[in-house]
Amino acid sequence: MPRSLSGRHFLKLLDFTTDEIRYLVDLSKELKKLKMAGVPHRWLEGKNIVLLFEKTSTRTRCSFEVAGMDLGMGVTYLDPGSSQMGKKESIEDTARVLGRMYDGIEYRGFAQSICEELAANAGVPVWDGLTTEFHPTQMIADLLTIEENFGYLKGLNFVFMGDAGNNVGNSLMVACAKMGLNFTACGPKEQMPDADLIEECKKIAALNGSTVRVTEDVEEGTKGANVIYTDIWVSMGEPAELWAERIRLLHPYQVNAEVMANAAPNAIFMHCLPSFHDLKTTVGAEIHEKFGLTEMEVTDEVFESAASKVFDEAENRMHTIKAVMYATLK
């Protein structure tokens, strides 16, 4: 049992020890059991939280709202047009106002520095719901999903395919290093994590008996993988003009049946969602019209296969965010 996380911010997994991350995963399991059994757990009755969104989301918003209400808290959602932060009011002043009204603040938006500045001035726990650099709440959900499928984490071979330098790729590299999974970033050199972060994660991984590597070779990178993970090729907030270049760079790293066949026999597929695996979205249809692609980062065959755990993973966002909030507010 780690020291109490009460009062702590949750900004990136680099700030947490292996034992602290393990505690959050185990707490998530317990909270999930209570939810599945219909046992009330309004342990934070009387507290209130605010969700400060500069980027919209389905999973993150719904996870924080349901988790907060399950814990008995009041929840306020501020969408991109409902806050003066950064426009008529500084980040520092926004933090000081919200911190006097709420017991916790979630931020989802752009630079990590915004989240750090909120945390420095709010006087209450701040949770990173996604920034350009990191996506830590996704990581606890991913670790829980992997452990539910394999029964353990340490020693598993984890491969991120495609845009490994995005916030999810960065965060997964940290999560794997902290928890002893062997991490491989498989993608073009132009889309790899920052070299300094790679070196930091290699040192962390060595302490936990695991490895971190990068490769542009799909066959080598995915051989024997237990987990194949990918994300969309252009992230929210990036200009649409990037699609042509990203398709050129990343299409060779599409997760398809051949990739899964090269992985371990018990390999699972994961994706933080949303996914462009068919033409049932506006963006998917537009990309098909411009570039002729019917599927992007993952084929529909893999997405809908038995190996795909993407909806378990999405559900686990709620259970794990609940654990993060309870641990830091209790």
C-alpha atoms as a PDB file:
ATOM      1  CA  MET A   1       0.000   0.000   0.000  1.00  0.00           C
ATOM      2  CA  PRO A   2       1.578   3.314  -1.055  1.00  0.00           C
ATOM      3  CA  ARG A   3       1.392   6.470   0.959  1.00  0.00           C
ATOM      4  CA  SER A   4      -1.897   8.312   0.652  1.00  0.00           C
ATOM      5  CA  LEU A   5      -2.621  10.011  -2.658  1.00  0.00           C
ATOM      6  CA  SER A   6      -5.088  12.388  -0.993  1.00  0.00           C
ATOM      7  CA  GLY A   7      -4.571  15.936  -2.201  1.00  0.00           C
ATOM      8  CA  ARG A   8      -2.291  14.896  -5.072  1.00  0.00           C
ATOM      9  CA  HIS A   9      -2.635  16.158  -8.626  1.00  0.00           C
ATOM     10  CA  PHE A  10      -2.879  13.599 -11.447  1.00  0.00           C
ATOM     11  CA  LEU A  11      -0.996  15.228 -14.328  1.00  0.00           C
ATOM     12  CA  LYS A  12       1.284  12.527 -15.756  1.00  0.00           C
ATOM     13  CA  LEU A  13       2.405   9.038 -14.752  1.00  0.00           C
ATOM     14  CA  LEU A  14       6.021  10.188 -14.487  1.00  0.00           C
ATOM     15  CA  ASP A  15       4.920  11.784 -11.185  1.00  0.00           C
ATOM     16  CA  PHE A  16       3.850   8.421  -9.700  1.00  0.00           C
ATOM     17  CA  THR A  17       5.732   5.386  -8.439  1.00  0.00           C
ATOM     18  CA  THR A  18       5.091   1.846  -9.624  1.00  0.00           C
ATOM     19  CA  ASP A  19       3.414   1.078  -6.277  1.00  0.00           C
ATOM     20  CA  GLU A  20       1.140   4.117  -6.576  1.00  0.00           C
ATOM     21  CA  ILE A  21       0.056   3.114 -10.084  1.00  0.00           C
ATOM     22  CA  ARG A  22      -0.531  -0.446  -8.867  1.00  0.00           C
ATOM     23  CA  TYR A  23      -2.725   0.938  -6.074  1.00  0.00           C
ATOM     24  CA  LEU A  24      -4.851   2.852  -8.608  1.00  0.00           C
ATOM     25  CA  VAL A  25      -5.280  -0.233 -10.817  1.00  0.00           C
ATOM     26  CA  ASP A  26      -6.280  -2.370  -7.807  1.00  0.00           C
ATOM     27  CA  LEU A  27      -8.656   0.308  -6.508  1.00  0.00           C
ATOM     28  CA  SER A  28     -10.233   0.435  -9.983  1.00  0.00           C
ATOM     29  CA  LYS A  29     -10.897  -3.305  -9.795  1.00  0.00           C
ATOM     30  CA  GLU A  30     -12.662  -2.919  -6.456  1.00  0.00           C
ATOM     31  CA  LEU A  31     -14.778  -0.015  -7.666  1.00  0.00           C
ATOM     32  CA  LYS A  32     -15.693  -1.924 -10.826  1.00  0.00           C
ATOM     33  CA  LYS A  33     -16.865  -4.884  -8.723  1.00  0.00           C
ATOM     34  CA  LEU A  34     -19.092  -2.581  -6.664  1.00  0.00           C
ATOM     35  CA  LYS A  35     -20.535  -0.989  -9.812  1.00  0.00           C
ATOM     36  CA  MET A  36     -21.218  -4.364 -11.429  1.00  0.00           C
ATOM     37  CA  ALA A  37     -22.896  -5.632  -8.256  1.00  0.00           C
ATOM     38  CA  GLY A  38     -25.079  -2.527  -7.985  1.00  0.00           C
ATOM     39  CA  VAL A  39     -23.604  -1.617  -4.590  1.00  0.00           C
ATOM     40  CA  PRO A  40     -23.790   2.142  -3.902  1.00  0.00           C
ATOM     41  CA  HIS A  41     -20.455   3.820  -3.127  1.00  0.00           C
ATOM     42  CA  ARG A  42     -21.268   7.485  -2.612  1.00  0.00           C
ATOM     43  CA  TRP A  43     -18.090   7.938  -0.612  1.00  0.00           C
ATOM     44  CA  LEU A  44     -17.515  11.572  -1.605  1.00  0.00           C
ATOM     45  CA  GLU A  45     -21.012  12.880  -0.855  1.00  0.00           C
ATOM     46  CA  GLY A  46     -21.022  16.658  -0.510  1.00  0.00           C
ATOM     47  CA  LYS A  47     -18.002  17.308  -2.717  1.00  0.00           C
ATOM     48  CA  ASN A  48     -18.153  19.037  -6.109  1.00  0.00           C
ATOM     49  CA  ILE A  49     -15.932  18.854  -9.185  1.00  0.00           C
ATOM     50  CA  VAL A  50     -15.653  20.871 -12.384  1.00  0.00           C
ATOM     51  CA  LEU A  51     -14.717  19.542 -15.808  1.00  0.00           C
ATOM     52  CA  LEU A  52     -12.882  22.168 -17.840  1.00  0.00           C
ATOM     53  CA  PHE A  53     -12.869  21.100 -21.497  1.00  0.00           C
ATOM     54  CA  GLU A  54     -11.056  22.959 -24.278  1.00  0.00           C
ATOM     55  CA  LYS A  55     -11.288  19.804 -26.439  1.00  0.00           C
ATOM     56  CA  THR A  56     -14.553  17.886 -26.638  1.00  0.00           C
ATOM     57  CA  SER A  57     -14.783  14.190 -25.815  1.00  0.00           C
ATOM     58  CA  THR A  58     -17.252  11.354 -25.376  1.00  0.00           C
ATOM     59  CA  ARG A  59     -15.368   8.908 -23.139  1.00  0.00           C
ATOM     60  CA  THR A  60     -13.544  11.423 -20.940  1.00  0.00           C
ATOM     61  CA  ARG A  61     -16.580  13.591 -20.233  1.00  0.00           C
ATOM     62  CA  CYS A  62     -18.966  10.698 -19.616  1.00  0.00           C
ATOM     63  CA  SER A  63     -16.406   8.846 -17.488  1.00  0.00           C
ATOM     64  CA  PHE A  64     -15.805  11.822 -15.206  1.00  0.00           C
ATOM     65  CA  GLU A  65     -19.511  12.648 -14.967  1.00  0.00           C
ATOM     66  CA  VAL A  66     -20.711   9.101 -14.200  1.00  0.00           C
ATOM     67  CA  ALA A  67     -17.786   8.407 -11.871  1.00  0.00           C
ATOM     68  CA  GLY A  68     -18.362  11.658 -10.020  1.00  0.00           C
ATOM     69  CA  MET A  69     -22.082  11.030  -9.606  1.00  0.00           C
ATOM     70  CA  ASP A  70     -21.477   7.418  -8.525  1.00  0.00           C
ATOM     71  CA  LEU A  71     -19.238   8.802  -5.775  1.00  0.00           C
ATOM     72  CA  GLY A  72     -22.001  11.200  -4.706  1.00  0.00           C
ATOM     73  CA  MET A  73     -20.427  14.375  -6.045  1.00  0.00           C
ATOM     74  CA  GLY A  74     -21.906  17.328  -7.874  1.00  0.00           C
ATOM     75  CA  VAL A  75     -20.437  17.733 -11.373  1.00  0.00           C
ATOM     76  CA  THR A  76     -20.216  20.904 -13.492  1.00  0.00           C
ATOM     77  CA  TYR A  77     -19.189  20.666 -17.157  1.00  0.00           C
ATOM     78  CA  LEU A  78     -17.685  23.714 -18.857  1.00  0.00           C
ATOM     79  CA  ASP A  79     -17.411  23.273 -22.623  1.00  0.00           C
ATOM     80  CA  PRO A  80     -14.980  25.231 -24.822  1.00  0.00           C
ATOM     81  CA  GLY A  81     -17.417  28.134 -25.110  1.00  0.00           C
ATOM     82  CA  SER A  82     -18.466  28.302 -21.453  1.00  0.00           C
ATOM     83  CA  SER A  83     -15.245  29.457 -19.797  1.00  0.00           C
ATOM     84  CA  GLN A  84     -13.287  32.694 -20.050  1.00  0.00           C
ATOM     85  CA  MET A  85      -9.997  30.903 -19.297  1.00  0.00           C
ATOM     86  CA  GLY A  86      -7.217  32.257 -21.469  1.00  0.00           C
ATOM     87  CA  LYS A  87      -9.541  34.763 -23.171  1.00  0.00           C
ATOM     88  CA  LYS A  88     -10.824  37.268 -20.627  1.00  0.00           C
ATOM     89  CA  GLU A  89      -9.324  35.580 -17.573  1.00  0.00           C
ATOM     90  CA  SER A  90      -5.850  34.183 -17.053  1.00  0.00           C
ATOM     91  CA  ILE A  91      -5.258  30.489 -16.331  1.00  0.00           C
ATOM     92  CA  GLU A  92      -3.912  31.476 -12.908  1.00  0.00           C
ATOM     93  CA  ASP A  93      -7.024  33.490 -12.013  1.00  0.00           C
ATOM     94  CA  THR A  94      -9.347  30.794 -13.358  1.00  0.00           C
ATOM     95  CA  ALA A  95      -7.613  28.236 -11.149  1.00  0.00           C
ATOM     96  CA  ARG A  96      -7.915  30.433  -8.068  1.00  0.00           C
ATOM     97  CA  VAL A  97     -11.640  31.026  -8.675  1.00  0.00           C
ATOM     98  CA  LEU A  98     -12.546  27.398  -9.408  1.00  0.00           C
ATOM     99  CA  GLY A  99     -10.404  26.142  -6.532  1.00  0.00           C
ATOM    100  CA  ARG A 100     -12.545  28.122  -4.080  1.00  0.00           C
ATOM    101  CA  MET A 101     -15.771  26.623  -5.412  1.00  0.00           C
ATOM    102  CA  TYR A 102     -14.814  23.040  -6.236  1.00  0.00           C
ATOM    103  CA  ASP A 103     -12.985  20.177  -4.543  1.00  0.00           C
ATOM    104  CA  GLY A 104     -11.320  19.003  -7.781  1.00  0.00           C
ATOM    105  CA  ILE A 105     -10.720  20.242 -11.320  1.00  0.00           C
ATOM    106  CA  GLU A 106     -10.380  18.182 -14.501  1.00  0.00           C
ATOM    107  CA  TYR A 107      -8.707  19.800 -17.507  1.00  0.00           C
ATOM    108  CA  ARG A 108      -8.795  18.496 -21.080  1.00  0.00           C
ATOM    109  CA  GLY A 109      -7.163  20.618 -23.733  1.00  0.00           C
ATOM    110  CA  PHE A 110      -3.879  21.693 -25.198  1.00  0.00           C
ATOM    111  CA  ALA A 111      -0.440  22.297 -23.664  1.00  0.00           C
ATOM    112  CA  GLN A 112       0.616  20.332 -20.593  1.00  0.00           C
ATOM    113  CA  SER A 113       1.829  23.649 -19.185  1.00  0.00           C
ATOM    114  CA  ILE A 114      -1.811  24.819 -18.877  1.00  0.00           C
ATOM    115  CA  CYS A 115      -2.626  21.816 -16.721  1.00  0.00           C
ATOM    116  CA  GLU A 116       0.514  22.413 -14.643  1.00  0.00           C
ATOM    117  CA  GLU A 117      -0.413  26.078 -14.140  1.00  0.00           C
ATOM    118  CA  LEU A 118      -3.933  25.159 -13.030  1.00  0.00           C
ATOM    119  CA  ALA A 119      -2.442  22.713 -10.532  1.00  0.00           C
ATOM    120  CA  ALA A 120       0.025  25.290  -9.226  1.00  0.00           C
ATOM    121  CA  ASN A 121      -2.738  27.788  -8.426  1.00  0.00           C
ATOM    122  CA  ALA A 122      -5.975  25.896  -7.715  1.00  0.00           C
ATOM    123  CA  GLY A 123      -5.301  24.672  -4.184  1.00  0.00           C
ATOM    124  CA  VAL A 124      -7.285  21.486  -4.963  1.00  0.00           C
ATOM    125  CA  PRO A 125      -6.424  18.334  -6.964  1.00  0.00           C
ATOM    126  CA  VAL A 126      -6.215  18.834 -10.731  1.00  0.00           C
ATOM    127  CA  TRP A 127      -6.622  15.863 -13.084  1.00  0.00           C
ATOM    128  CA  ASP A 128      -5.246  15.765 -16.633  1.00  0.00           C
ATOM    129  CA  GLY A 129      -8.022  14.524 -18.931  1.00  0.00           C
ATOM    130  CA  LEU A 130      -5.725  14.915 -21.968  1.00  0.00           C
ATOM    131  CA  THR A 131      -3.132  17.412 -23.131  1.00  0.00           C
ATOM    132  CA  THR A 132      -0.988  17.624 -26.238  1.00  0.00           C
ATOM    133  CA  GLU A 133       1.800  15.779 -24.429  1.00  0.00           C
ATOM    134  CA  PHE A 134       0.095  13.239 -22.142  1.00  0.00           C
ATOM    135  CA  HIS A 135      -3.135  11.310 -21.481  1.00  0.00           C
ATOM    136  CA  PRO A 136      -2.671   9.750 -18.021  1.00  0.00           C
ATOM    137  CA  THR A 137      -6.272   8.776 -17.173  1.00  0.00           C
ATOM    138  CA  GLN A 138      -6.349   6.646 -20.336  1.00  0.00           C
ATOM    139  CA  MET A 139      -3.326   4.749 -19.023  1.00  0.00           C
ATOM    140  CA  ILE A 140      -4.930   3.412 -15.860  1.00  0.00           C
ATOM    141  CA  ALA A 141      -7.828   2.131 -17.981  1.00  0.00           C
ATOM    142  CA  ASP A 142      -5.403   0.502 -20.400  1.00  0.00           C
ATOM    143  CA  LEU A 143      -3.418  -1.186 -17.630  1.00  0.00           C
ATOM    144  CA  LEU A 144      -6.636  -2.506 -16.080  1.00  0.00           C
ATOM    145  CA  THR A 145      -7.827  -3.838 -19.449  1.00  0.00           C
ATOM    146  CA  ILE A 146      -4.534  -5.616 -20.100  1.00  0.00           C
ATOM    147  CA  GLU A 147      -4.489  -7.178 -16.633  1.00  0.00           C
ATOM    148  CA  GLU A 148      -8.096  -8.330 -16.991  1.00  0.00           C
ATOM    149  CA  ASN A 149      -7.083 -10.238 -20.132  1.00  0.00           C
ATOM    150  CA  PHE A 150      -3.739 -11.704 -19.051  1.00  0.00           C
ATOM    151  CA  GLY A 151      -3.927 -11.732 -15.268  1.00  0.00           C
ATOM    152  CA  TYR A 152      -0.670  -9.796 -14.946  1.00  0.00           C
ATOM    153  CA  LEU A 153       1.337  -6.952 -16.509  1.00  0.00           C
ATOM    154  CA  LYS A 154       5.048  -7.471 -15.897  1.00  0.00           C
ATOM    155  CA  GLY A 155       6.887  -9.085 -18.798  1.00  0.00           C
ATOM    156  CA  LEU A 156       4.168  -8.679 -21.428  1.00  0.00           C
ATOM    157  CA  ASN A 157       5.206  -7.374 -24.851  1.00  0.00           C
ATOM    158  CA  PHE A 158       3.358  -4.184 -25.767  1.00  0.00           C
ATOM    159  CA  VAL A 159       3.505  -2.561 -29.221  1.00  0.00           C
ATOM    160  CA  PHE A 160       2.190   0.866 -30.179  1.00  0.00           C
ATOM    161  CA  MET A 161       1.668   1.183 -33.937  1.00  0.00           C
ATOM    162  CA  GLY A 162       1.736   4.434 -35.896  1.00  0.00           C
ATOM    163  CA  ASP A 163       1.952   7.923 -34.404  1.00  0.00           C
ATOM    164  CA  ALA A 164       4.017   6.903 -31.363  1.00  0.00           C
ATOM    165  CA  GLY A 165       4.945  10.503 -30.565  1.00  0.00           C
ATOM    166  CA  ASN A 166       1.402  11.622 -29.746  1.00  0.00           C
ATOM    167  CA  ASN A 167       0.025  12.012 -26.218  1.00  0.00           C
ATOM    168  CA  VAL A 168      -1.201   8.419 -26.033  1.00  0.00           C
ATOM    169  CA  GLY A 169       2.065   6.985 -27.364  1.00  0.00           C
ATOM    170  CA  ASN A 170       4.083   9.070 -24.899  1.00  0.00           C
ATOM    171  CA  SER A 171       1.899   8.026 -21.998  1.00  0.00           C
ATOM    172  CA  LEU A 172       1.872   4.340 -22.906  1.00  0.00           C
ATOM    173  CA  MET A 173       5.664   4.304 -23.044  1.00  0.00           C
ATOM    174  CA  VAL A 174       5.765   5.747 -19.521  1.00  0.00           C
ATOM    175  CA  ALA A 175       3.061   3.373 -18.245  1.00  0.00           C
ATOM    176  CA  CYS A 176       4.806   0.299 -19.635  1.00  0.00           C
ATOM    177  CA  ALA A 177       8.179   1.378 -18.246  1.00  0.00           C
ATOM    178  CA  LYS A 178       6.676   1.979 -14.796  1.00  0.00           C
ATOM    179  CA  MET A 179       4.812  -1.345 -14.714  1.00  0.00           C
ATOM    180  CA  GLY A 180       7.428  -3.622 -16.289  1.00  0.00           C
ATOM    181  CA  LEU A 181       5.937  -4.248 -19.738  1.00  0.00           C
ATOM    182  CA  ASN A 182       8.307  -4.381 -22.710  1.00  0.00           C
ATOM    183  CA  PHE A 183       7.355  -1.392 -24.857  1.00  0.00           C
ATOM    184  CA  THR A 184       7.927  -1.091 -28.609  1.00  0.00           C
ATOM    185  CA  ALA A 185       7.123   2.033 -30.621  1.00  0.00           C
ATOM    186  CA  CYS A 186       6.593   0.819 -34.192  1.00  0.00           C
ATOM    187  CA  GLY A 187       6.247   3.639 -36.693  1.00  0.00           C
ATOM    188  CA  PRO A 188       8.087   6.094 -38.918  1.00  0.00           C
ATOM    189  CA  LYS A 189      11.018   7.992 -37.424  1.00  0.00           C
ATOM    190  CA  GLU A 190       9.161  11.278 -37.987  1.00  0.00           C
ATOM    191  CA  GLN A 191       6.416  10.259 -35.519  1.00  0.00           C
ATOM    192  CA  MET A 192       8.464   8.860 -32.644  1.00  0.00           C
ATOM    193  CA  PRO A 193       8.408  10.145 -29.041  1.00  0.00           C
ATOM    194  CA  ASP A 194      10.878  12.827 -28.013  1.00  0.00           C
ATOM    195  CA  ALA A 195      14.389  11.400 -27.632  1.00  0.00           C
ATOM    196  CA  ASP A 196      14.731  12.667 -24.051  1.00  0.00           C
ATOM    197  CA  LEU A 197      11.474  10.969 -23.021  1.00  0.00           C
ATOM    198  CA  ILE A 198      12.619   7.717 -24.655  1.00  0.00           C
ATOM    199  CA  GLU A 199      15.866   7.801 -22.677  1.00  0.00           C
ATOM    200  CA  GLU A 200      14.049   8.586 -19.433  1.00  0.00           C
ATOM    201  CA  CYS A 201      11.665   5.684 -20.012  1.00  0.00           C
ATOM    202  CA  LYS A 202      14.528   3.317 -20.810  1.00  0.00           C
ATOM    203  CA  LYS A 203      16.031   4.093 -17.401  1.00  0.00           C
ATOM    204  CA  ILE A 204      12.683   3.584 -15.652  1.00  0.00           C
ATOM    205  CA  ALA A 205      12.089   0.330 -17.546  1.00  0.00           C
ATOM    206  CA  ALA A 206      15.512  -1.009 -16.561  1.00  0.00           C
ATOM    207  CA  LEU A 207      14.594  -0.544 -12.901  1.00  0.00           C
ATOM    208  CA  ASN A 208      11.446  -2.609 -13.473  1.00  0.00           C
ATOM    209  CA  GLY A 209      13.057  -5.395 -15.519  1.00  0.00           C
ATOM    210  CA  SER A 210      11.649  -4.367 -18.881  1.00  0.00           C
ATOM    211  CA  THR A 211      12.747  -2.686 -22.106  1.00  0.00           C
ATOM    212  CA  VAL A 212      11.856   0.253 -24.349  1.00  0.00           C
ATOM    213  CA  ARG A 213      12.687   0.165 -28.051  1.00  0.00           C
ATOM    214  CA  VAL A 214      11.723   1.947 -31.271  1.00  0.00           C
ATOM    215  CA  THR A 215      11.600   0.436 -34.742  1.00  0.00           C
ATOM    216  CA  GLU A 216      10.347   1.249 -38.226  1.00  0.00           C
ATOM    217  CA  ASP A 217      10.088  -2.473 -39.104  1.00  0.00           C
ATOM    218  CA  VAL A 218       6.516  -3.766 -38.742  1.00  0.00           C
ATOM    219  CA  GLU A 219       7.415  -7.464 -38.879  1.00  0.00           C
ATOM    220  CA  GLU A 220      10.203  -7.106 -36.322  1.00  0.00           C
ATOM    221  CA  GLY A 221       8.237  -4.738 -34.104  1.00  0.00           C
ATOM    222  CA  THR A 222       5.066  -6.815 -33.828  1.00  0.00           C
ATOM    223  CA  LYS A 223       6.629 -10.300 -33.642  1.00  0.00           C
ATOM    224  CA  GLY A 224       5.300 -12.083 -30.577  1.00  0.00           C
ATOM    225  CA  ALA A 225       3.438  -9.039 -29.239  1.00  0.00           C
ATOM    226  CA  ASN A 226       0.835  -9.622 -26.539  1.00  0.00           C
ATOM    227  CA  VAL A 227      -0.811  -6.234 -27.043  1.00  0.00           C
ATOM    228  CA  ILE A 228      -1.138  -4.302 -30.306  1.00  0.00           C
ATOM    229  CA  TYR A 229      -2.321  -0.726 -29.762  1.00  0.00           C
ATOM    230  CA  THR A 230      -2.952   2.136 -32.161  1.00  0.00           C
ATOM    231  CA  ASP A 231      -4.553   5.577 -32.342  1.00  0.00           C
ATOM    232  CA  ILE A 232      -5.918   7.857 -35.061  1.00  0.00           C
ATOM    233  CA  TRP A 233      -3.341   9.432 -37.360  1.00  0.00           C
ATOM    234  CA  VAL A 234      -4.314  13.093 -36.861  1.00  0.00           C
ATOM    235  CA  SER A 235      -5.159  14.088 -33.295  1.00  0.00           C
ATOM    236  CA  MET A 236      -7.844  16.519 -32.196  1.00  0.00           C
ATOM    237  CA  GLY A 237      -6.608  20.075 -32.526  1.00  0.00           C
ATOM    238  CA  GLU A 238      -4.145  19.288 -35.312  1.00  0.00           C
ATOM    239  CA  PRO A 239      -4.846  20.861 -38.737  1.00  0.00           C
ATOM    240  CA  ALA A 240      -6.711  18.812 -41.347  1.00  0.00           C
ATOM    241  CA  GLU A 241      -3.906  19.637 -43.798  1.00  0.00           C
ATOM    242  CA  LEU A 242      -1.815  16.992 -42.027  1.00  0.00           C
ATOM    243  CA  TRP A 243      -3.918  14.093 -43.346  1.00  0.00           C
ATOM    244  CA  ALA A 244      -2.073  13.662 -46.648  1.00  0.00           C
ATOM    245  CA  GLU A 245       1.357  13.531 -45.010  1.00  0.00           C
ATOM    246  CA  ARG A 246       0.202  11.341 -42.119  1.00  0.00           C
ATOM    247  CA  ILE A 247      -1.457   8.860 -44.483  1.00  0.00           C
ATOM    248  CA  ARG A 248       1.772   8.649 -46.469  1.00  0.00           C
ATOM    249  CA  LEU A 249       3.825   8.062 -43.332  1.00  0.00           C
ATOM    250  CA  LEU A 250       1.464   5.913 -41.289  1.00  0.00           C
ATOM    251  CA  HIS A 251      -0.510   3.741 -43.714  1.00  0.00           C
ATOM    252  CA  PRO A 252       2.288   1.108 -43.662  1.00  0.00           C
ATOM    253  CA  TYR A 253       1.628   0.829 -39.902  1.00  0.00           C
ATOM    254  CA  GLN A 254      -2.082   0.074 -40.175  1.00  0.00           C
ATOM    255  CA  VAL A 255      -3.157  -2.705 -37.795  1.00  0.00           C
ATOM    256  CA  ASN A 256      -4.535  -5.466 -40.010  1.00  0.00           C
ATOM    257  CA  ALA A 257      -4.900  -9.252 -40.027  1.00  0.00           C
ATOM    258  CA  GLU A 258      -1.280  -9.707 -41.105  1.00  0.00           C
ATOM    259  CA  VAL A 259      -0.040  -7.681 -38.127  1.00  0.00           C
ATOM    260  CA  MET A 260      -2.211  -9.632 -35.699  1.00  0.00           C
ATOM    261  CA  ALA A 261      -1.055 -12.944 -37.192  1.00  0.00           C
ATOM    262  CA  ASN A 262       2.559 -11.904 -36.534  1.00  0.00           C
ATOM    263  CA  ALA A 263       1.759 -11.197 -32.882  1.00  0.00           C
ATOM    264  CA  ALA A 264       1.417 -13.818 -30.144  1.00  0.00           C
ATOM    265  CA  PRO A 265      -1.484 -16.282 -30.491  1.00  0.00           C
ATOM    266  CA  ASN A 266      -3.235 -14.700 -27.493  1.00  0.00           C
ATOM    267  CA  ALA A 267      -2.616 -11.109 -28.608  1.00  0.00           C
ATOM    268  CA  ILE A 268      -5.261  -8.474 -27.986  1.00  0.00           C
ATOM    269  CA  PHE A 269      -5.975  -5.290 -29.916  1.00  0.00           C
ATOM    270  CA  MET A 270      -6.519  -1.966 -28.138  1.00  0.00           C
ATOM    271  CA  HIS A 271      -7.439   1.563 -29.218  1.00  0.00           C
ATOM    272  CA  CYS A 272      -8.311   4.611 -27.092  1.00  0.00           C
ATOM    273  CA  LEU A 273     -11.068   5.623 -29.555  1.00  0.00           C
ATOM    274  CA  PRO A 274     -12.544   7.159 -31.601  1.00  0.00           C
ATOM    275  CA  SER A 275     -11.426   5.007 -34.517  1.00  0.00           C
ATOM    276  CA  PHE A 276     -11.679   5.341 -38.284  1.00  0.00           C
ATOM    277  CA  HIS A 277     -12.191   1.644 -39.057  1.00  0.00           C
ATOM    278  CA  ASP A 278     -15.075   2.155 -41.518  1.00  0.00           C
ATOM    279  CA  LEU A 279     -16.942   4.867 -43.428  1.00  0.00           C
ATOM    280  CA  LYS A 280     -19.638   5.525 -40.800  1.00  0.00           C
ATOM    281  CA  THR A 281     -18.195   8.870 -39.682  1.00  0.00           C
ATOM    282  CA  THR A 282     -18.059  12.257 -41.392  1.00  0.00           C
ATOM    283  CA  VAL A 283     -14.257  12.313 -41.230  1.00  0.00           C
ATOM    284  CA  GLY A 284     -13.995   8.739 -42.489  1.00  0.00           C
ATOM    285  CA  ALA A 285     -16.221   9.547 -45.464  1.00  0.00           C
ATOM    286  CA  GLU A 286     -14.234  12.708 -46.258  1.00  0.00           C
ATOM    287  CA  ILE A 287     -10.927  10.834 -46.158  1.00  0.00           C
ATOM    288  CA  HIS A 288     -12.379   8.142 -48.410  1.00  0.00           C
ATOM    289  CA  GLU A 289     -13.479  10.787 -50.906  1.00  0.00           C
ATOM    290  CA  LYS A 290     -10.074  12.513 -50.929  1.00  0.00           C
ATOM    291  CA  PHE A 291      -7.691   9.567 -50.592  1.00  0.00           C
ATOM    292  CA  GLY A 292      -9.710   6.437 -51.402  1.00  0.00           C
ATOM    293  CA  LEU A 293      -9.192   4.780 -48.005  1.00  0.00           C
ATOM    294  CA  THR A 294     -12.046   2.742 -46.547  1.00  0.00           C
ATOM    295  CA  GLU A 295     -10.143   2.062 -43.295  1.00  0.00           C
ATOM    296  CA  MET A 296      -7.315   3.948 -41.637  1.00  0.00           C
ATOM    297  CA  GLU A 297      -5.299   3.097 -38.514  1.00  0.00           C
ATOM    298  CA  VAL A 298      -7.019  -0.291 -38.091  1.00  0.00           C
ATOM    299  CA  THR A 299      -9.045  -2.480 -40.406  1.00  0.00           C
ATOM    300  CA  ASP A 300     -12.663  -3.164 -39.607  1.00  0.00           C
ATOM    301  CA  GLU A 301     -11.824  -6.876 -39.540  1.00  0.00           C
ATOM    302  CA  VAL A 302      -9.432  -6.407 -36.608  1.00  0.00           C
ATOM    303  CA  PHE A 303     -11.571  -3.793 -34.856  1.00  0.00           C
ATOM    304  CA  GLU A 304     -14.585  -6.132 -34.805  1.00  0.00           C
ATOM    305  CA  SER A 305     -12.591  -9.308 -34.055  1.00  0.00           C
ATOM    306  CA  ALA A 306     -12.568 -11.339 -30.842  1.00  0.00           C
ATOM    307  CA  ALA A 307      -9.088  -9.990 -30.144  1.00  0.00           C
ATOM    308  CA  SER A 308     -10.420  -6.434 -29.967  1.00  0.00           C
ATOM    309  CA  LYS A 309     -10.909  -5.159 -26.414  1.00  0.00           C
ATOM    310  CA  VAL A 310     -11.693  -1.557 -27.316  1.00  0.00           C
ATOM    311  CA  PHE A 311     -15.106  -1.385 -25.647  1.00  0.00           C
ATOM    312  CA  ASP A 312     -13.895  -3.049 -22.438  1.00  0.00           C
ATOM    313  CA  GLU A 313     -11.138  -0.433 -22.516  1.00  0.00           C
ATOM    314  CA  ALA A 314     -13.657   2.391 -23.029  1.00  0.00           C
ATOM    315  CA  GLU A 315     -15.809   1.200 -20.124  1.00  0.00           C
ATOM    316  CA  ASN A 316     -12.730   0.966 -17.922  1.00  0.00           C
ATOM    317  CA  ARG A 317     -12.135   4.703 -18.377  1.00  0.00           C
ATOM    318  CA  MET A 318     -15.047   5.276 -15.988  1.00  0.00           C
ATOM    319  CA  HIS A 319     -13.930   2.790 -13.334  1.00  0.00           C
ATOM    320  CA  THR A 320     -10.342   4.010 -13.356  1.00  0.00           C
ATOM    321  CA  ILE A 321     -11.185   7.731 -13.381  1.00  0.00           C
ATOM    322  CA  LYS A 322     -13.398   6.999 -10.379  1.00  0.00           C
ATOM    323  CA  ALA A 323     -10.374   5.455  -8.656  1.00  0.00           C
ATOM    324  CA  VAL A 324      -8.184   8.476  -9.439  1.00  0.00           C
ATOM    325  CA  MET A 325     -10.771  10.918  -8.092  1.00  0.00           C
ATOM    326  CA  TYR A 326     -11.505   8.912  -4.953  1.00  0.00           C
ATOM    327  CA  ALA A 327      -7.828   8.370  -4.176  1.00  0.00           C
ATOM    328  CA  THR A 328      -6.991  12.061  -4.512  1.00  0.00           C
ATOM    329  CA  LEU A 329     -10.111  13.474  -2.814  1.00  0.00           C
ATOM    330  CA  LYS A 330     -10.764  11.097   0.095  1.00  0.00           C
END
